[in-house]
């Protein structure tokens, strides 16, 4: 059932190509605006500012991407899924799908930042690992928050409010590790931040797995 649900997510995304195209357009436009802004100032962008802009851009893109996980579904669809599928399979399939989508957007954003600015990252493998862990954290936390927000009115506003305390911890650790990658420091310096990201991912994933059946049935 898990693979069928995951396949369903991909098929739905292919049917609504305008949504994904809109996200790519949003990402490209944002990076292009950055380029125009700093180009007027003789392209004065420091490596730390590069990493901050990259993660903030990825954050807002991910929120717009994952928010539609449950908010965009009708109640009839949820009742139908409730009758044929296991809650654990549903939440895990959505988390995995959102993770892959966030990873694709992060890779696209990284390419755009290199094209318009430069590549200050000296430790690319560590940066790739950090990006993967961050995307997994975004996908895990925002997916379950989307399920909670879908049960209330003004769900988009509630989604933004609920996501801030969790996302800010993930984002700060990602920025710290990226700064270490830019400075070319030894990987041992980033161990604490990496372990924190892994711990947050495990905690959020376990919480989502345990609480989603109760959220879904409410």
C-alpha atoms as a PDB file:
ATOM      1  CA  UNK A   1       0.000   0.000   0.000  1.00  0.00           C
ATOM      2  CA  UNK A   2       2.896   2.357   0.751  1.00  0.00           C
ATOM      3  CA  UNK A   3       4.266   2.108  -2.800  1.00  0.00           C
ATOM      4  CA  UNK A   4       0.791   2.582  -4.287  1.00  0.00           C
ATOM      5  CA  UNK A   5       0.268   5.756  -2.255  1.00  0.00           C
ATOM      6  CA  UNK A   6       3.698   7.072  -3.214  1.00  0.00           C
ATOM      7  CA  UNK A   7       2.964   6.343  -6.866  1.00  0.00           C
ATOM      8  CA  UNK A   8      -0.340   8.194  -6.470  1.00  0.00           C
ATOM      9  CA  UNK A   9       1.476  11.316  -5.252  1.00  0.00           C
ATOM     10  CA  UNK A  10       3.753  11.329  -8.293  1.00  0.00           C
ATOM     11  CA  UNK A  11       0.861  10.797 -10.694  1.00  0.00           C
ATOM     12  CA  UNK A  12      -1.114  13.645  -9.141  1.00  0.00           C
ATOM     13  CA  UNK A  13       1.912  15.929  -9.432  1.00  0.00           C
ATOM     14  CA  UNK A  14       2.300  15.070 -13.110  1.00  0.00           C
ATOM     15  CA  UNK A  15      -1.362  15.919 -13.707  1.00  0.00           C
ATOM     16  CA  UNK A  16      -1.042  19.344 -12.114  1.00  0.00           C
ATOM     17  CA  UNK A  17       2.194  20.453 -13.764  1.00  0.00           C
ATOM     18  CA  UNK A  18       1.288  24.096 -13.252  1.00  0.00           C
ATOM     19  CA  UNK A  19       1.883  23.746  -9.486  1.00  0.00           C
ATOM     20  CA  UNK A  20       5.443  22.484  -9.833  1.00  0.00           C
ATOM     21  CA  UNK A  21       6.136  24.911 -12.677  1.00  0.00           C
ATOM     22  CA  UNK A  22       4.912  27.728 -10.422  1.00  0.00           C
ATOM     23  CA  UNK A  23       7.340  26.662  -7.681  1.00  0.00           C
ATOM     24  CA  UNK A  24      10.264  26.623 -10.118  1.00  0.00           C
ATOM     25  CA  UNK A  25       9.207  30.041 -11.418  1.00  0.00           C
ATOM     26  CA  UNK A  26       8.979  31.357  -7.841  1.00  0.00           C
ATOM     27  CA  UNK A  27      12.435  29.985  -7.047  1.00  0.00           C
ATOM     28  CA  UNK A  28      13.990  31.360 -10.238  1.00  0.00           C
ATOM     29  CA  UNK A  29      12.383  34.771  -9.826  1.00  0.00           C
ATOM     30  CA  UNK A  30      13.552  35.053  -6.221  1.00  0.00           C
ATOM     31  CA  UNK A  31      17.170  34.239  -7.088  1.00  0.00           C
ATOM     32  CA  UNK A  32      17.038  36.618 -10.079  1.00  0.00           C
ATOM     33  CA  UNK A  33      15.790  39.433  -7.826  1.00  0.00           C
ATOM     34  CA  UNK A  34      18.719  38.718  -5.488  1.00  0.00           C
ATOM     35  CA  UNK A  35      21.036  38.965  -8.475  1.00  0.00           C
ATOM     36  CA  UNK A  36      19.608  42.299  -9.616  1.00  0.00           C
ATOM     37  CA  UNK A  37      19.706  43.725  -6.092  1.00  0.00           C
ATOM     38  CA  UNK A  38      23.329  42.853  -5.408  1.00  0.00           C
ATOM     39  CA  UNK A  39      24.474  43.535  -8.957  1.00  0.00           C
ATOM     40  CA  UNK A  40      23.435  47.178  -8.465  1.00  0.00           C
ATOM     41  CA  UNK A  41      25.805  47.193  -5.482  1.00  0.00           C
ATOM     42  CA  UNK A  42      28.674  45.798  -7.560  1.00  0.00           C
ATOM     43  CA  UNK A  43      27.746  42.231  -6.637  1.00  0.00           C
ATOM     44  CA  UNK A  44      28.760  42.643  -2.992  1.00  0.00           C
ATOM     45  CA  UNK A  45      27.602  39.316  -1.527  1.00  0.00           C
ATOM     46  CA  UNK A  46      29.581  37.573   1.180  1.00  0.00           C
ATOM     47  CA  UNK A  47      29.679  33.781   1.605  1.00  0.00           C
ATOM     48  CA  UNK A  48      27.661  34.041   4.830  1.00  0.00           C
ATOM     49  CA  UNK A  49      25.014  36.126   3.068  1.00  0.00           C
ATOM     50  CA  UNK A  50      25.034  33.579   0.225  1.00  0.00           C
ATOM     51  CA  UNK A  51      24.227  30.737   2.613  1.00  0.00           C
ATOM     52  CA  UNK A  52      21.583  32.752   4.481  1.00  0.00           C
ATOM     53  CA  UNK A  53      19.796  33.715   1.270  1.00  0.00           C
ATOM     54  CA  UNK A  54      19.976  30.130   0.012  1.00  0.00           C
ATOM     55  CA  UNK A  55      18.377  28.617   3.117  1.00  0.00           C
ATOM     56  CA  UNK A  56      15.727  31.315   3.488  1.00  0.00           C
ATOM     57  CA  UNK A  57      14.743  30.850  -0.158  1.00  0.00           C
ATOM     58  CA  UNK A  58      14.587  27.078   0.289  1.00  0.00           C
ATOM     59  CA  UNK A  59      12.515  27.505   3.462  1.00  0.00           C
ATOM     60  CA  UNK A  60       9.755  29.547   1.842  1.00  0.00           C
ATOM     61  CA  UNK A  61       9.767  27.334  -1.246  1.00  0.00           C
ATOM     62  CA  UNK A  62       9.454  24.226   0.924  1.00  0.00           C
ATOM     63  CA  UNK A  63       6.593  25.712   2.948  1.00  0.00           C
ATOM     64  CA  UNK A  64       4.689  26.471  -0.265  1.00  0.00           C
ATOM     65  CA  UNK A  65       5.473  22.976  -1.537  1.00  0.00           C
ATOM     66  CA  UNK A  66       4.554  20.888   1.493  1.00  0.00           C
ATOM     67  CA  UNK A  67       1.575  23.000   2.633  1.00  0.00           C
ATOM     68  CA  UNK A  68      -0.606  21.450  -0.048  1.00  0.00           C
ATOM     69  CA  UNK A  69      -0.058  17.917   1.296  1.00  0.00           C
ATOM     70  CA  UNK A  70      -3.328  17.819   3.276  1.00  0.00           C
ATOM     71  CA  UNK A  71      -4.665  21.368   2.985  1.00  0.00           C
ATOM     72  CA  UNK A  72      -5.430  20.833  -0.693  1.00  0.00           C
ATOM     73  CA  UNK A  73      -7.359  17.595  -0.121  1.00  0.00           C
ATOM     74  CA  UNK A  74     -11.101  17.440   0.204  1.00  0.00           C
ATOM     75  CA  UNK A  75     -12.802  15.723   3.129  1.00  0.00           C
ATOM     76  CA  UNK A  76     -14.236  13.105   0.807  1.00  0.00           C
ATOM     77  CA  UNK A  77     -10.753  12.068  -0.270  1.00  0.00           C
ATOM     78  CA  UNK A  78      -9.614  11.707   3.335  1.00  0.00           C
ATOM     79  CA  UNK A  79     -12.613   9.527   4.190  1.00  0.00           C
ATOM     80  CA  UNK A  80     -11.888   7.355   1.161  1.00  0.00           C
ATOM     81  CA  UNK A  81      -8.222   6.929   2.125  1.00  0.00           C
ATOM     82  CA  UNK A  82      -9.306   6.148   5.686  1.00  0.00           C
ATOM     83  CA  UNK A  83     -11.374   3.227   4.404  1.00  0.00           C
ATOM     84  CA  UNK A  84      -8.676   1.626   2.248  1.00  0.00           C
ATOM     85  CA  UNK A  85      -5.269   2.549   3.692  1.00  0.00           C
ATOM     86  CA  UNK A  86      -3.240   2.455   6.874  1.00  0.00           C
ATOM     87  CA  UNK A  87      -2.554   5.879   8.434  1.00  0.00           C
ATOM     88  CA  UNK A  88       1.151   5.070   8.786  1.00  0.00           C
ATOM     89  CA  UNK A  89       1.425   4.295   5.070  1.00  0.00           C
ATOM     90  CA  UNK A  90      -0.259   7.599   4.187  1.00  0.00           C
ATOM     91  CA  UNK A  91       1.944   9.827   6.340  1.00  0.00           C
ATOM     92  CA  UNK A  92       5.168   8.019   5.384  1.00  0.00           C
ATOM     93  CA  UNK A  93       4.366   8.176   1.660  1.00  0.00           C
ATOM     94  CA  UNK A  94       3.655  11.908   1.877  1.00  0.00           C
ATOM     95  CA  UNK A  95       6.831  12.564   3.888  1.00  0.00           C
ATOM     96  CA  UNK A  96       8.968  10.654   1.383  1.00  0.00           C
ATOM     97  CA  UNK A  97       7.333  12.375  -1.579  1.00  0.00           C
ATOM     98  CA  UNK A  98       7.741  15.826  -0.029  1.00  0.00           C
ATOM     99  CA  UNK A  99      11.354  15.017   0.859  1.00  0.00           C
ATOM    100  CA  UNK A 100      12.165  14.137  -2.749  1.00  0.00           C
ATOM    101  CA  UNK A 101      10.376  17.263  -3.979  1.00  0.00           C
ATOM    102  CA  UNK A 102      12.216  19.515  -1.500  1.00  0.00           C
ATOM    103  CA  UNK A 103      15.504  17.873  -2.475  1.00  0.00           C
ATOM    104  CA  UNK A 104      14.811  18.593  -6.151  1.00  0.00           C
ATOM    105  CA  UNK A 105      14.005  22.224  -5.363  1.00  0.00           C
ATOM    106  CA  UNK A 106      17.148  22.530  -3.219  1.00  0.00           C
ATOM    107  CA  UNK A 107      19.308  21.146  -6.027  1.00  0.00           C
ATOM    108  CA  UNK A 108      17.666  23.534  -8.509  1.00  0.00           C
ATOM    109  CA  UNK A 109      18.185  26.466  -6.144  1.00  0.00           C
ATOM    110  CA  UNK A 110      21.846  25.523  -5.652  1.00  0.00           C
ATOM    111  CA  UNK A 111      22.408  25.493  -9.420  1.00  0.00           C
ATOM    112  CA  UNK A 112      20.701  28.888  -9.774  1.00  0.00           C
ATOM    113  CA  UNK A 113      22.818  30.404  -7.000  1.00  0.00           C
ATOM    114  CA  UNK A 114      25.981  29.117  -8.699  1.00  0.00           C
ATOM    115  CA  UNK A 115      24.882  30.535 -12.063  1.00  0.00           C
ATOM    116  CA  UNK A 116      23.919  33.981 -10.764  1.00  0.00           C
ATOM    117  CA  UNK A 117      26.576  34.350  -8.068  1.00  0.00           C
ATOM    118  CA  UNK A 118      29.336  31.819  -7.413  1.00  0.00           C
ATOM    119  CA  UNK A 119      29.999  28.651  -5.474  1.00  0.00           C
ATOM    120  CA  UNK A 120      31.640  29.509  -2.133  1.00  0.00           C
ATOM    121  CA  UNK A 121      31.127  25.953  -0.796  1.00  0.00           C
ATOM    122  CA  UNK A 122      34.483  24.241  -0.258  1.00  0.00           C
ATOM    123  CA  UNK A 123      33.152  21.004   1.282  1.00  0.00           C
ATOM    124  CA  UNK A 124      30.458  19.973  -1.206  1.00  0.00           C
ATOM    125  CA  UNK A 125      29.820  16.430   0.204  1.00  0.00           C
ATOM    126  CA  UNK A 126      29.127  17.826   3.698  1.00  0.00           C
ATOM    127  CA  UNK A 127      26.905  20.513   2.203  1.00  0.00           C
ATOM    128  CA  UNK A 128      25.001  17.839   0.237  1.00  0.00           C
ATOM    129  CA  UNK A 129      24.493  15.808   3.444  1.00  0.00           C
ATOM    130  CA  UNK A 130      23.323  18.927   5.285  1.00  0.00           C
ATOM    131  CA  UNK A 131      20.899  19.756   2.477  1.00  0.00           C
ATOM    132  CA  UNK A 132      19.462  16.224   2.547  1.00  0.00           C
ATOM    133  CA  UNK A 133      18.976  16.272   6.323  1.00  0.00           C
ATOM    134  CA  UNK A 134      17.434  19.746   6.188  1.00  0.00           C
ATOM    135  CA  UNK A 135      15.037  18.773   3.396  1.00  0.00           C
ATOM    136  CA  UNK A 136      14.048  15.676   5.379  1.00  0.00           C
ATOM    137  CA  UNK A 137      13.423  17.851   8.448  1.00  0.00           C
ATOM    138  CA  UNK A 138      11.320  20.280   6.420  1.00  0.00           C
ATOM    139  CA  UNK A 139       9.330  17.453   4.841  1.00  0.00           C
ATOM    140  CA  UNK A 140       8.714  15.588   8.121  1.00  0.00           C
ATOM    141  CA  UNK A 141       7.667  18.602  10.175  1.00  0.00           C
ATOM    142  CA  UNK A 142       5.689  20.481   7.528  1.00  0.00           C
ATOM    143  CA  UNK A 143       3.782  17.380   6.397  1.00  0.00           C
ATOM    144  CA  UNK A 144       2.339  16.606   9.830  1.00  0.00           C
ATOM    145  CA  UNK A 145       1.703  20.316  10.448  1.00  0.00           C
ATOM    146  CA  UNK A 146      -0.204  20.422   7.168  1.00  0.00           C
ATOM    147  CA  UNK A 147      -2.387  17.575   8.470  1.00  0.00           C
ATOM    148  CA  UNK A 148      -3.065  19.521  11.682  1.00  0.00           C
ATOM    149  CA  UNK A 149      -3.736  22.799   9.875  1.00  0.00           C
ATOM    150  CA  UNK A 150      -6.139  21.151   7.429  1.00  0.00           C
ATOM    151  CA  UNK A 151      -8.540  20.497  10.317  1.00  0.00           C
ATOM    152  CA  UNK A 152      -8.980  24.209  11.044  1.00  0.00           C
ATOM    153  CA  UNK A 153     -10.155  27.346   9.273  1.00  0.00           C
ATOM    154  CA  UNK A 154      -7.504  29.727   7.954  1.00  0.00           C
ATOM    155  CA  UNK A 155      -5.271  26.682   7.558  1.00  0.00           C
ATOM    156  CA  UNK A 156      -2.563  28.527   5.600  1.00  0.00           C
ATOM    157  CA  UNK A 157      -2.066  31.038   8.414  1.00  0.00           C
ATOM    158  CA  UNK A 158      -2.087  28.275  11.037  1.00  0.00           C
ATOM    159  CA  UNK A 159       0.469  26.351   8.989  1.00  0.00           C
ATOM    160  CA  UNK A 160       2.886  29.284   9.055  1.00  0.00           C
ATOM    161  CA  UNK A 161       2.439  29.852  12.797  1.00  0.00           C
ATOM    162  CA  UNK A 162       2.864  26.207  13.805  1.00  0.00           C
ATOM    163  CA  UNK A 163       5.868  25.590  11.590  1.00  0.00           C
ATOM    164  CA  UNK A 164       8.028  28.476  12.865  1.00  0.00           C
ATOM    165  CA  UNK A 165       9.284  26.974  16.202  1.00  0.00           C
ATOM    166  CA  UNK A 166      10.353  23.701  14.580  1.00  0.00           C
ATOM    167  CA  UNK A 167      11.701  25.095  11.333  1.00  0.00           C
ATOM    168  CA  UNK A 168      13.848  27.769  12.974  1.00  0.00           C
ATOM    169  CA  UNK A 169      15.924  25.129  14.818  1.00  0.00           C
ATOM    170  CA  UNK A 170      16.529  23.179  11.614  1.00  0.00           C
ATOM    171  CA  UNK A 171      17.360  26.336   9.691  1.00  0.00           C
ATOM    172  CA  UNK A 172      19.878  27.695  12.220  1.00  0.00           C
ATOM    173  CA  UNK A 173      21.814  24.418  12.311  1.00  0.00           C
ATOM    174  CA  UNK A 174      21.839  24.251   8.505  1.00  0.00           C
ATOM    175  CA  UNK A 175      23.217  27.806   8.263  1.00  0.00           C
ATOM    176  CA  UNK A 176      25.957  27.037  10.833  1.00  0.00           C
ATOM    177  CA  UNK A 177      27.086  23.919   8.959  1.00  0.00           C
ATOM    178  CA  UNK A 178      26.993  25.767   5.632  1.00  0.00           C
ATOM    179  CA  UNK A 179      29.252  28.470   7.097  1.00  0.00           C
ATOM    180  CA  UNK A 180      31.705  25.745   8.118  1.00  0.00           C
ATOM    181  CA  UNK A 181      31.548  24.340   4.569  1.00  0.00           C
ATOM    182  CA  UNK A 182      32.262  27.814   3.173  1.00  0.00           C
ATOM    183  CA  UNK A 183      35.192  28.366   5.527  1.00  0.00           C
ATOM    184  CA  UNK A 184      36.638  24.945   4.682  1.00  0.00           C
ATOM    185  CA  UNK A 185      36.792  23.854   8.319  1.00  0.00           C
ATOM    186  CA  UNK A 186      37.347  20.264   9.357  1.00  0.00           C
ATOM    187  CA  UNK A 187      34.185  18.159   9.350  1.00  0.00           C
ATOM    188  CA  UNK A 188      34.556  17.377  13.042  1.00  0.00           C
ATOM    189  CA  UNK A 189      33.592  20.992  13.775  1.00  0.00           C
ATOM    190  CA  UNK A 190      30.117  20.351  12.326  1.00  0.00           C
ATOM    191  CA  UNK A 191      29.449  17.070  14.148  1.00  0.00           C
ATOM    192  CA  UNK A 192      27.296  18.634  16.877  1.00  0.00           C
ATOM    193  CA  UNK A 193      25.073  20.445  14.372  1.00  0.00           C
ATOM    194  CA  UNK A 194      24.753  17.310  12.224  1.00  0.00           C
ATOM    195  CA  UNK A 195      23.754  15.217  15.229  1.00  0.00           C
ATOM    196  CA  UNK A 196      21.211  17.886  16.176  1.00  0.00           C
ATOM    197  CA  UNK A 197      19.693  17.736  12.689  1.00  0.00           C
ATOM    198  CA  UNK A 198      19.535  13.935  12.842  1.00  0.00           C
ATOM    199  CA  UNK A 199      17.935  14.070  16.308  1.00  0.00           C
ATOM    200  CA  UNK A 200      15.316  16.595  15.165  1.00  0.00           C
ATOM    201  CA  UNK A 201      14.503  14.465  12.111  1.00  0.00           C
ATOM    202  CA  UNK A 202      14.120  11.305  14.199  1.00  0.00           C
ATOM    203  CA  UNK A 203      11.999  13.072  16.793  1.00  0.00           C
ATOM    204  CA  UNK A 204       9.693  14.711  14.258  1.00  0.00           C
ATOM    205  CA  UNK A 205       9.377  11.528  12.178  1.00  0.00           C
ATOM    206  CA  UNK A 206       8.539   9.436  15.255  1.00  0.00           C
ATOM    207  CA  UNK A 207       6.023  12.024  16.469  1.00  0.00           C
ATOM    208  CA  UNK A 208       4.392  12.165  13.042  1.00  0.00           C
ATOM    209  CA  UNK A 209       4.164   8.381  12.882  1.00  0.00           C
ATOM    210  CA  UNK A 210       2.576   8.102  16.334  1.00  0.00           C
ATOM    211  CA  UNK A 211       0.228  11.097  16.257  1.00  0.00           C
ATOM    212  CA  UNK A 212      -0.992  11.092  12.673  1.00  0.00           C
ATOM    213  CA  UNK A 213      -3.582   8.285  13.145  1.00  0.00           C
ATOM    214  CA  UNK A 214      -5.290  10.384  15.852  1.00  0.00           C
ATOM    215  CA  UNK A 215      -5.044  13.601  13.835  1.00  0.00           C
ATOM    216  CA  UNK A 216      -6.436  11.896  10.733  1.00  0.00           C
ATOM    217  CA  UNK A 217      -9.451  10.391  12.497  1.00  0.00           C
ATOM    218  CA  UNK A 218     -10.479  13.602  14.253  1.00  0.00           C
END
